[in-house]
Amino acid sequence: MTGDHVAVVGDNRKVLVFPSADLPEMSHGKGVRLQRYKDGGLADAISFDLAHGLSWKDPAGRTRTLIGSDLAEWIGARAGAGRMAPRGFPRENRFD
C-alpha cells in the first residue's frame, strides 16, 4: 500500500480518513474493520499521502483536492463512523 493515510467511503456517503499505520497486518483469512456502518457497507477505499491531499473527480469531471486543515473534518480513528462526504463528492461514492 502506498501513502500514509487511508480514506474510505460507505454506501451511506460518509467519509473517514485515518493513518495507514492504524491498519494491522493480519494473518490469512482474517479481516479488519475500516469504518462502522449503520446501514450498507464499504463503497470505496483509497490510500494517499496526506501532504498531497485527498483527490477525486467531481460530477462535472474536475479534480477536487482537500489538503491540510480542509481535510481535518474527516480525519478520525479507524473503525469510526465518519462524516458526510464533502461538497462535490460523486454520487457513485467512488474516489476515482
PDB file of N, CA and C in Angstrom:
ATOM      1  N   MET A   1       0.851  -1.166   0.000  1.00  0.00           N
ATOM      2  CA  MET A   1       0.000   0.000   0.000  1.00  0.00           C
ATOM      3  C   MET A   1       0.903   1.237   0.000  1.00  0.00           C
ATOM      4  N   THR A   2       0.587   2.163  -0.862  1.00  0.00           N
ATOM      5  CA  THR A   2       1.328   3.427  -0.888  1.00  0.00           C
ATOM      6  C   THR A   2       0.522   4.480  -0.155  1.00  0.00           C
ATOM      7  N   GLY A   3       1.191   5.464   0.381  1.00  0.00           N
ATOM      8  CA  GLY A   3       0.502   6.535   1.082  1.00  0.00           C
ATOM      9  C   GLY A   3       0.538   6.338   2.582  1.00  0.00           C
ATOM     10  N   ASP A   4       0.423   7.455   3.304  1.00  0.00           N
ATOM     11  CA  ASP A   4       0.477   7.392   4.760  1.00  0.00           C
ATOM     12  C   ASP A   4      -0.896   7.470   5.411  1.00  0.00           C
ATOM     13  N   HIS A   5      -1.952   7.665   4.608  1.00  0.00           N
ATOM     14  CA  HIS A   5      -3.323   7.706   5.124  1.00  0.00           C
ATOM     15  C   HIS A   5      -4.250   6.909   4.217  1.00  0.00           C
ATOM     16  N   VAL A   6      -5.380   6.497   4.762  1.00  0.00           N
ATOM     17  CA  VAL A   6      -6.396   5.750   4.025  1.00  0.00           C
ATOM     18  C   VAL A   6      -7.706   6.523   4.130  1.00  0.00           C
ATOM     19  N   ALA A   7      -8.414   6.641   3.024  1.00  0.00           N
ATOM     20  CA  ALA A   7      -9.750   7.254   3.017  1.00  0.00           C
ATOM     21  C   ALA A   7     -10.740   6.183   2.589  1.00  0.00           C
ATOM     22  N   VAL A   8     -11.840   6.080   3.323  1.00  0.00           N
ATOM     23  CA  VAL A   8     -12.895   5.123   2.986  1.00  0.00           C
ATOM     24  C   VAL A   8     -14.219   5.868   2.909  1.00  0.00           C
ATOM     25  N   VAL A   9     -15.090   5.391   2.032  1.00  0.00           N
ATOM     26  CA  VAL A   9     -16.441   5.952   1.928  1.00  0.00           C
ATOM     27  C   VAL A   9     -17.414   4.785   1.904  1.00  0.00           C
ATOM     28  N   GLY A  10     -18.507   4.952   2.620  1.00  0.00           N
ATOM     29  CA  GLY A  10     -19.518   3.901   2.684  1.00  0.00           C
ATOM     30  C   GLY A  10     -20.681   4.174   1.756  1.00  0.00           C
ATOM     31  N   ASP A  11     -21.557   3.195   1.641  1.00  0.00           N
ATOM     32  CA  ASP A  11     -22.779   3.360   0.853  1.00  0.00           C
ATOM     33  C   ASP A  11     -23.633   4.490   1.414  1.00  0.00           C
ATOM     34  N   ASN A  12     -23.421   4.836   2.685  1.00  0.00           N
ATOM     35  CA  ASN A  12     -24.188   5.898   3.340  1.00  0.00           C
ATOM     36  C   ASN A  12     -23.594   7.294   3.098  1.00  0.00           C
ATOM     37  N   ARG A  13     -22.578   7.400   2.202  1.00  0.00           N
ATOM     38  CA  ARG A  13     -21.913   8.655   1.814  1.00  0.00           C
ATOM     39  C   ARG A  13     -21.094   9.274   2.936  1.00  0.00           C
ATOM     40  N   LYS A  14     -20.718   8.494   3.929  1.00  0.00           N
ATOM     41  CA  LYS A  14     -19.859   9.015   4.991  1.00  0.00           C
ATOM     42  C   LYS A  14     -18.410   8.661   4.687  1.00  0.00           C
ATOM     43  N   VAL A  15     -17.540   9.664   4.835  1.00  0.00           N
ATOM     44  CA  VAL A  15     -16.123   9.529   4.538  1.00  0.00           C
ATOM     45  C   VAL A  15     -15.339   9.533   5.846  1.00  0.00           C
ATOM     46  N   LEU A  16     -14.330   8.679   5.930  1.00  0.00           N
ATOM     47  CA  LEU A  16     -13.440   8.620   7.084  1.00  0.00           C
ATOM     48  C   LEU A  16     -12.011   8.519   6.579  1.00  0.00           C
ATOM     49  N   VAL A  17     -11.118   9.326   7.161  1.00  0.00           N
ATOM     50  CA  VAL A  17      -9.697   9.312   6.823  1.00  0.00           C
ATOM     51  C   VAL A  17      -8.929   8.963   8.093  1.00  0.00           C
ATOM     52  N   PHE A  18      -7.989   8.015   7.993  1.00  0.00           N
ATOM     53  CA  PHE A  18      -7.187   7.626   9.148  1.00  0.00           C
ATOM     54  C   PHE A  18      -5.797   7.214   8.678  1.00  0.00           C
ATOM     55  N   PRO A  19      -4.799   7.237   9.588  1.00  0.00           N
ATOM     56  CA  PRO A  19      -3.432   6.853   9.211  1.00  0.00           C
ATOM     57  C   PRO A  19      -3.351   5.384   8.816  1.00  0.00           C
ATOM     58  N   SER A  20      -2.569   5.096   7.777  1.00  0.00           N
ATOM     59  CA  SER A  20      -2.425   3.705   7.344  1.00  0.00           C
ATOM     60  C   SER A  20      -1.693   2.874   8.400  1.00  0.00           C
ATOM     61  N   ALA A  21      -0.963   3.512   9.301  1.00  0.00           N
ATOM     62  CA  ALA A  21      -0.286   2.789  10.382  1.00  0.00           C
ATOM     63  C   ALA A  21      -1.295   2.129  11.322  1.00  0.00           C
ATOM     64  N   ASP A  22      -2.563   2.596  11.304  1.00  0.00           N
ATOM     65  CA  ASP A  22      -3.613   2.012  12.138  1.00  0.00           C
ATOM     66  C   ASP A  22      -4.118   0.668  11.598  1.00  0.00           C
ATOM     67  N   LEU A  23      -3.696   0.299  10.396  1.00  0.00           N
ATOM     68  CA  LEU A  23      -4.112  -0.980   9.808  1.00  0.00           C
ATOM     69  C   LEU A  23      -3.129  -2.066  10.223  1.00  0.00           C
ATOM     70  N   PRO A  24      -3.554  -3.000  11.039  1.00  0.00           N
ATOM     71  CA  PRO A  24      -2.641  -4.075  11.455  1.00  0.00           C
ATOM     72  C   PRO A  24      -2.457  -5.095  10.330  1.00  0.00           C
ATOM     73  N   GLU A  25      -1.308  -5.747  10.324  1.00  0.00           N
ATOM     74  CA  GLU A  25      -1.107  -6.852   9.385  1.00  0.00           C
ATOM     75  C   GLU A  25      -1.799  -8.064   9.972  1.00  0.00           C
ATOM     76  N   MET A  26      -2.684  -8.659   9.192  1.00  0.00           N
ATOM     77  CA  MET A  26      -3.476  -9.782   9.680  1.00  0.00           C
ATOM     78  C   MET A  26      -3.021 -11.068   8.989  1.00  0.00           C
ATOM     79  N   SER A  27      -3.195 -12.176   9.683  1.00  0.00           N
ATOM     80  CA  SER A  27      -2.877 -13.467   9.077  1.00  0.00           C
ATOM     81  C   SER A  27      -3.952 -13.822   8.046  1.00  0.00           C
ATOM     82  N   HIS A  28      -3.680 -14.817   7.258  1.00  0.00           N
ATOM     83  CA  HIS A  28      -4.581 -15.231   6.182  1.00  0.00           C
ATOM     84  C   HIS A  28      -5.988 -15.507   6.712  1.00  0.00           C
ATOM     85  N   GLY A  29      -6.985 -14.978   6.013  1.00  0.00           N
ATOM     86  CA  GLY A  29      -8.371 -15.262   6.361  1.00  0.00           C
ATOM     87  C   GLY A  29      -8.957 -14.346   7.412  1.00  0.00           C
ATOM     88  N   LYS A  30      -8.169 -13.438   7.929  1.00  0.00           N
ATOM     89  CA  LYS A  30      -8.664 -12.515   8.945  1.00  0.00           C
ATOM     90  C   LYS A  30      -9.103 -11.220   8.275  1.00  0.00           C
ATOM     91  N   GLY A  31      -9.845 -10.407   8.989  1.00  0.00           N
ATOM     92  CA  GLY A  31     -10.289  -9.126   8.464  1.00  0.00           C
ATOM     93  C   GLY A  31     -10.114  -8.034   9.502  1.00  0.00           C
ATOM     94  N   VAL A  32     -10.257  -6.800   9.062  1.00  0.00           N
ATOM     95  CA  VAL A  32     -10.144  -5.669   9.960  1.00  0.00           C
ATOM     96  C   VAL A  32     -11.213  -4.652   9.583  1.00  0.00           C
ATOM     97  N   ARG A  33     -11.855  -4.078  10.569  1.00  0.00           N
ATOM     98  CA  ARG A  33     -12.914  -3.106  10.323  1.00  0.00           C
ATOM     99  C   ARG A  33     -12.289  -1.763   9.925  1.00  0.00           C
ATOM    100  N   LEU A  34     -12.702  -1.235   8.782  1.00  0.00           N
ATOM    101  CA  LEU A  34     -12.210   0.063   8.324  1.00  0.00           C
ATOM    102  C   LEU A  34     -13.106   1.199   8.806  1.00  0.00           C
ATOM    103  N   GLN A  35     -14.413   0.985   8.734  1.00  0.00           N
ATOM    104  CA  GLN A  35     -15.382   2.023   9.080  1.00  0.00           C
ATOM    105  C   GLN A  35     -16.618   1.350   9.668  1.00  0.00           C
ATOM    106  N   ARG A  36     -17.293   2.032  10.582  1.00  0.00           N
ATOM    107  CA  ARG A  36     -18.514   1.494  11.195  1.00  0.00           C
ATOM    108  C   ARG A  36     -19.712   1.959  10.371  1.00  0.00           C
ATOM    109  N   TYR A  37     -20.615   1.032  10.056  1.00  0.00           N
ATOM    110  CA  TYR A  37     -21.796   1.344   9.248  1.00  0.00           C
ATOM    111  C   TYR A  37     -23.056   0.956   9.988  1.00  0.00           C
ATOM    112  N   LYS A  38     -24.031   1.835   9.944  1.00  0.00           N
ATOM    113  CA  LYS A  38     -25.352   1.503  10.469  1.00  0.00           C
ATOM    114  C   LYS A  38     -26.140   0.788   9.374  1.00  0.00           C
ATOM    115  N   ASP A  39     -26.097   1.359   8.174  1.00  0.00           N
ATOM    116  CA  ASP A  39     -26.753   0.775   7.002  1.00  0.00           C
ATOM    117  C   ASP A  39     -25.735   0.678   5.871  1.00  0.00           C
ATOM    118  N   GLY A  40     -25.817  -0.377   5.074  1.00  0.00           N
ATOM    119  CA  GLY A  40     -24.929  -0.509   3.919  1.00  0.00           C
ATOM    120  C   GLY A  40     -23.558  -1.032   4.310  1.00  0.00           C
ATOM    121  N   GLY A  41     -22.563  -0.721   3.476  1.00  0.00           N
ATOM    122  CA  GLY A  41     -21.209  -1.204   3.703  1.00  0.00           C
ATOM    123  C   GLY A  41     -20.207  -0.322   3.004  1.00  0.00           C
ATOM    124  N   LEU A  42     -19.027  -0.840   2.786  1.00  0.00           N
ATOM    125  CA  LEU A  42     -17.940  -0.116   2.157  1.00  0.00           C
ATOM    126  C   LEU A  42     -18.219   0.081   0.669  1.00  0.00           C
ATOM    127  N   ALA A  43     -18.080   1.318   0.190  1.00  0.00           N
ATOM    128  CA  ALA A  43     -18.263   1.603  -1.235  1.00  0.00           C
ATOM    129  C   ALA A  43     -16.916   1.712  -1.945  1.00  0.00           C
ATOM    130  N   ASP A  44     -15.911   2.358  -1.305  1.00  0.00           N
ATOM    131  CA  ASP A  44     -14.607   2.533  -1.930  1.00  0.00           C
ATOM    132  C   ASP A  44     -13.585   2.894  -0.862  1.00  0.00           C
ATOM    133  N   ALA A  45     -12.333   2.593  -1.144  1.00  0.00           N
ATOM    134  CA  ALA A  45     -11.226   2.945  -0.256  1.00  0.00           C
ATOM    135  C   ALA A  45     -10.024   3.313  -1.118  1.00  0.00           C
ATOM    136  N   ILE A  46      -9.201   4.221  -0.597  1.00  0.00           N
ATOM    137  CA  ILE A  46      -8.013   4.658  -1.324  1.00  0.00           C
ATOM    138  C   ILE A  46      -6.940   5.035  -0.317  1.00  0.00           C
ATOM    139  N   SER A  47      -5.678   4.783  -0.682  1.00  0.00           N
ATOM    140  CA  SER A  47      -4.579   5.244   0.162  1.00  0.00           C
ATOM    141  C   SER A  47      -3.947   6.450  -0.530  1.00  0.00           C
ATOM    142  N   PHE A  48      -3.456   7.402   0.270  1.00  0.00           N
ATOM    143  CA  PHE A  48      -2.893   8.633  -0.284  1.00  0.00           C
ATOM    144  C   PHE A  48      -1.922   9.239   0.715  1.00  0.00           C
ATOM    145  N   ASP A  49      -1.093  10.160   0.236  1.00  0.00           N
ATOM    146  CA  ASP A  49      -0.178  10.907   1.098  1.00  0.00           C
ATOM    147  C   ASP A  49      -0.890  12.155   1.588  1.00  0.00           C
ATOM    148  N   LEU A  50      -0.950  12.324   2.892  1.00  0.00           N
ATOM    149  CA  LEU A  50      -1.639  13.468   3.482  1.00  0.00           C
ATOM    150  C   LEU A  50      -1.061  14.793   2.983  1.00  0.00           C
ATOM    151  N   ALA A  51       0.240  14.836   2.752  1.00  0.00           N
ATOM    152  CA  ALA A  51       0.889  16.066   2.280  1.00  0.00           C
ATOM    153  C   ALA A  51       0.385  16.483   0.905  1.00  0.00           C
ATOM    154  N   HIS A  52      -0.015  15.500   0.078  1.00  0.00           N
ATOM    155  CA  HIS A  52      -0.522  15.804  -1.266  1.00  0.00           C
ATOM    156  C   HIS A  52      -2.028  15.996  -1.285  1.00  0.00           C
ATOM    157  N   GLY A  53      -2.712  15.586  -0.244  1.00  0.00           N
ATOM    158  CA  GLY A  53      -4.157  15.757  -0.138  1.00  0.00           C
ATOM    159  C   GLY A  53      -4.938  14.606  -0.746  1.00  0.00           C
ATOM    160  N   LEU A  54      -6.232  14.630  -0.475  1.00  0.00           N
ATOM    161  CA  LEU A  54      -7.167  13.624  -0.986  1.00  0.00           C
ATOM    162  C   LEU A  54      -7.864  14.204  -2.213  1.00  0.00           C
ATOM    163  N   SER A  55      -7.783  13.504  -3.336  1.00  0.00           N
ATOM    164  CA  SER A  55      -8.352  13.994  -4.597  1.00  0.00           C
ATOM    165  C   SER A  55      -9.411  13.048  -5.134  1.00  0.00           C
ATOM    166  N   TRP A  56     -10.374  13.617  -5.866  1.00  0.00           N
ATOM    167  CA  TRP A  56     -11.398  12.848  -6.567  1.00  0.00           C
ATOM    168  C   TRP A  56     -11.935  13.704  -7.696  1.00  0.00           C
ATOM    169  N   LYS A  57     -12.635  13.064  -8.630  1.00  0.00           N
ATOM    170  CA  LYS A  57     -13.268  13.788  -9.738  1.00  0.00           C
ATOM    171  C   LYS A  57     -14.707  14.093  -9.364  1.00  0.00           C
ATOM    172  N   ASP A  58     -15.094  15.373  -9.479  1.00  0.00           N
ATOM    173  CA  ASP A  58     -16.469  15.741  -9.163  1.00  0.00           C
ATOM    174  C   ASP A  58     -17.376  15.387 -10.342  1.00  0.00           C
ATOM    175  N   PRO A  59     -18.702  15.502 -10.180  1.00  0.00           N
ATOM    176  CA  PRO A  59     -19.623  15.110 -11.260  1.00  0.00           C
ATOM    177  C   PRO A  59     -19.389  15.856 -12.583  1.00  0.00           C
ATOM    178  N   ALA A  60     -18.775  17.043 -12.517  1.00  0.00           N
ATOM    179  CA  ALA A  60     -18.502  17.813 -13.736  1.00  0.00           C
ATOM    180  C   ALA A  60     -17.184  17.401 -14.387  1.00  0.00           C
ATOM    181  N   GLY A  61     -16.451  16.467 -13.781  1.00  0.00           N
ATOM    182  CA  GLY A  61     -15.198  15.996 -14.353  1.00  0.00           C
ATOM    183  C   GLY A  61     -13.971  16.743 -13.868  1.00  0.00           C
ATOM    184  N   ARG A  62     -14.137  17.712 -12.980  1.00  0.00           N
ATOM    185  CA  ARG A  62     -13.000  18.453 -12.435  1.00  0.00           C
ATOM    186  C   ARG A  62     -12.387  17.660 -11.277  1.00  0.00           C
ATOM    187  N   THR A  63     -11.097  17.807 -11.092  1.00  0.00           N
ATOM    188  CA  THR A  63     -10.430  17.153  -9.956  1.00  0.00           C
ATOM    189  C   THR A  63     -10.509  18.069  -8.748  1.00  0.00           C
ATOM    190  N   ARG A  64     -11.030  17.553  -7.657  1.00  0.00           N
ATOM    191  CA  ARG A  64     -11.119  18.293  -6.390  1.00  0.00           C
ATOM    192  C   ARG A  64     -10.093  17.708  -5.439  1.00  0.00           C
ATOM    193  N   THR A  65      -9.467  18.554  -4.621  1.00  0.00           N
ATOM    194  CA  THR A  65      -8.470  18.107  -3.662  1.00  0.00           C
ATOM    195  C   THR A  65      -8.679  18.816  -2.331  1.00  0.00           C
ATOM    196  N   LEU A  66      -8.649  18.051  -1.254  1.00  0.00           N
ATOM    197  CA  LEU A  66      -8.673  18.616   0.098  1.00  0.00           C
ATOM    198  C   LEU A  66      -7.299  18.380   0.711  1.00  0.00           C
ATOM    199  N   ILE A  67      -6.684  19.457   1.205  1.00  0.00           N
ATOM    200  CA  ILE A  67      -5.340  19.388   1.775  1.00  0.00           C
ATOM    201  C   ILE A  67      -5.350  20.011   3.164  1.00  0.00           C
ATOM    202  N   GLY A  68      -4.563  19.439   4.054  1.00  0.00           N
ATOM    203  CA  GLY A  68      -4.326  20.020   5.378  1.00  0.00           C
ATOM    204  C   GLY A  68      -5.580  20.225   6.197  1.00  0.00           C
ATOM    205  N   SER A  69      -5.781  21.467   6.661  1.00  0.00           N
ATOM    206  CA  SER A  69      -6.895  21.765   7.565  1.00  0.00           C
ATOM    207  C   SER A  69      -8.259  21.569   6.890  1.00  0.00           C
ATOM    208  N   ASP A  70      -8.319  21.633   5.556  1.00  0.00           N
ATOM    209  CA  ASP A  70      -9.580  21.391   4.844  1.00  0.00           C
ATOM    210  C   ASP A  70     -10.040  19.943   5.015  1.00  0.00           C
ATOM    211  N   LEU A  71      -9.096  19.056   5.271  1.00  0.00           N
ATOM    212  CA  LEU A  71      -9.380  17.628   5.403  1.00  0.00           C
ATOM    213  C   LEU A  71      -9.617  17.216   6.858  1.00  0.00           C
ATOM    214  N   ALA A  72      -9.322  18.101   7.794  1.00  0.00           N
ATOM    215  CA  ALA A  72      -9.365  17.783   9.224  1.00  0.00           C
ATOM    216  C   ALA A  72     -10.726  17.271   9.689  1.00  0.00           C
ATOM    217  N   GLU A  73     -11.795  17.744   9.092  1.00  0.00           N
ATOM    218  CA  GLU A  73     -13.148  17.341   9.493  1.00  0.00           C
ATOM    219  C   GLU A  73     -13.388  15.838   9.326  1.00  0.00           C
ATOM    220  N   TRP A  74     -12.703  15.222   8.359  1.00  0.00           N
ATOM    221  CA  TRP A  74     -12.930  13.805   8.047  1.00  0.00           C
ATOM    222  C   TRP A  74     -11.882  12.880   8.659  1.00  0.00           C
ATOM    223  N   ILE A  75     -10.844  13.433   9.287  1.00  0.00           N
ATOM    224  CA  ILE A  75      -9.808  12.605   9.902  1.00  0.00           C
ATOM    225  C   ILE A  75     -10.303  12.095  11.251  1.00  0.00           C
ATOM    226  N   GLY A  76     -10.168  10.803  11.460  1.00  0.00           N
ATOM    227  CA  GLY A  76     -10.617  10.187  12.709  1.00  0.00           C
ATOM    228  C   GLY A  76      -9.894   8.880  12.944  1.00  0.00           C
ATOM    229  N   ALA A  77     -10.393   8.133  13.896  1.00  0.00           N
ATOM    230  CA  ALA A  77      -9.807   6.834  14.224  1.00  0.00           C
ATOM    231  C   ALA A  77     -10.389   5.753  13.317  1.00  0.00           C
ATOM    232  N   ARG A  78      -9.564   4.756  12.992  1.00  0.00           N
ATOM    233  CA  ARG A  78     -10.043   3.629  12.192  1.00  0.00           C
ATOM    234  C   ARG A  78     -11.247   3.000  12.884  1.00  0.00           C
ATOM    235  N   ALA A  79     -12.220   2.569  12.116  1.00  0.00           N
ATOM    236  CA  ALA A  79     -13.458   1.938  12.577  1.00  0.00           C
ATOM    237  C   ALA A  79     -14.458   2.943  13.126  1.00  0.00           C
ATOM    238  N   GLY A  80     -14.228   4.240  12.905  1.00  0.00           N
ATOM    239  CA  GLY A  80     -15.211   5.253  13.278  1.00  0.00           C
ATOM    240  C   GLY A  80     -16.307   5.337  12.230  1.00  0.00           C
ATOM    241  N   ALA A  81     -17.320   6.156  12.493  1.00  0.00           N
ATOM    242  CA  ALA A  81     -18.454   6.269  11.583  1.00  0.00           C
ATOM    243  C   ALA A  81     -18.161   7.187  10.397  1.00  0.00           C
ATOM    244  N   GLY A  82     -17.317   8.198  10.579  1.00  0.00           N
ATOM    245  CA  GLY A  82     -17.036   9.145   9.512  1.00  0.00           C
ATOM    246  C   GLY A  82     -18.058  10.272   9.484  1.00  0.00           C
ATOM    247  N   ARG A  83     -17.897  11.160   8.505  1.00  0.00           N
ATOM    248  CA  ARG A  83     -18.798  12.305   8.344  1.00  0.00           C
ATOM    249  C   ARG A  83     -19.279  12.361   6.903  1.00  0.00           C
ATOM    250  N   MET A  84     -20.366  13.067   6.693  1.00  0.00           N
ATOM    251  CA  MET A  84     -20.921  13.159   5.340  1.00  0.00           C
ATOM    252  C   MET A  84     -19.866  13.650   4.351  1.00  0.00           C
ATOM    253  N   ALA A  85     -19.912  13.112   3.144  1.00  0.00           N
ATOM    254  CA  ALA A  85     -18.924  13.426   2.115  1.00  0.00           C
ATOM    255  C   ALA A  85     -18.886  14.922   1.825  1.00  0.00           C
ATOM    256  N   PRO A  86     -17.707  15.436   1.453  1.00  0.00           N
ATOM    257  CA  PRO A  86     -17.586  16.861   1.150  1.00  0.00           C
ATOM    258  C   PRO A  86     -18.389  17.258  -0.086  1.00  0.00           C
ATOM    259  N   ARG A  87     -18.673  18.536  -0.190  1.00  0.00           N
ATOM    260  CA  ARG A  87     -19.396  19.061  -1.356  1.00  0.00           C
ATOM    261  C   ARG A  87     -18.624  18.720  -2.626  1.00  0.00           C
ATOM    262  N   GLY A  88     -19.328  18.274  -3.629  1.00  0.00           N
ATOM    263  CA  GLY A  88     -18.713  17.922  -4.903  1.00  0.00           C
ATOM    264  C   GLY A  88     -18.272  16.475  -4.992  1.00  0.00           C
ATOM    265  N   PHE A  89     -18.502  15.671  -3.946  1.00  0.00           N
ATOM    266  CA  PHE A  89     -18.113  14.264  -3.993  1.00  0.00           C
ATOM    267  C   PHE A  89     -19.104  13.510  -4.882  1.00  0.00           C
ATOM    268  N   PRO A  90     -18.611  12.594  -5.744  1.00  0.00           N
ATOM    269  CA  PRO A  90     -19.501  11.908  -6.689  1.00  0.00           C
ATOM    270  C   PRO A  90     -20.601  11.090  -6.005  1.00  0.00           C
ATOM    271  N   ARG A  91     -21.760  11.045  -6.616  1.00  0.00           N
ATOM    272  CA  ARG A  91     -22.905  10.278  -6.102  1.00  0.00           C
ATOM    273  C   ARG A  91     -22.639   8.772  -6.114  1.00  0.00           C
ATOM    274  N   GLU A  92     -21.697   8.338  -6.958  1.00  0.00           N
ATOM    275  CA  GLU A  92     -21.377   6.908  -7.033  1.00  0.00           C
ATOM    276  C   GLU A  92     -20.532   6.460  -5.860  1.00  0.00           C
ATOM    277  N   ASN A  93     -20.130   7.387  -4.985  1.00  0.00           N
ATOM    278  CA  ASN A  93     -19.289   7.091  -3.824  1.00  0.00           C
ATOM    279  C   ASN A  93     -17.978   6.421  -4.218  1.00  0.00           C
ATOM    280  N   ARG A  94     -17.306   6.949  -5.247  1.00  0.00           N
ATOM    281  CA  ARG A  94     -16.019   6.431  -5.730  1.00  0.00           C
ATOM    282  C   ARG A  94     -14.999   7.561  -5.739  1.00  0.00           C
ATOM    283  N   PHE A  95     -13.740   7.238  -5.361  1.00  0.00           N
ATOM    284  CA  PHE A  95     -12.680   8.241  -5.356  1.00  0.00           C
ATOM    285  C   PHE A  95     -12.092   8.488  -6.737  1.00  0.00           C
ATOM    286  N   ASP A  96     -12.175   7.518  -7.648  1.00  0.00           N
ATOM    287  CA  ASP A  96     -11.552   7.706  -8.967  1.00  0.00           C
ATOM    288  C   ASP A  96     -12.468   8.327  -9.965  1.00  0.00           C
TER     289      ASP A  96
END
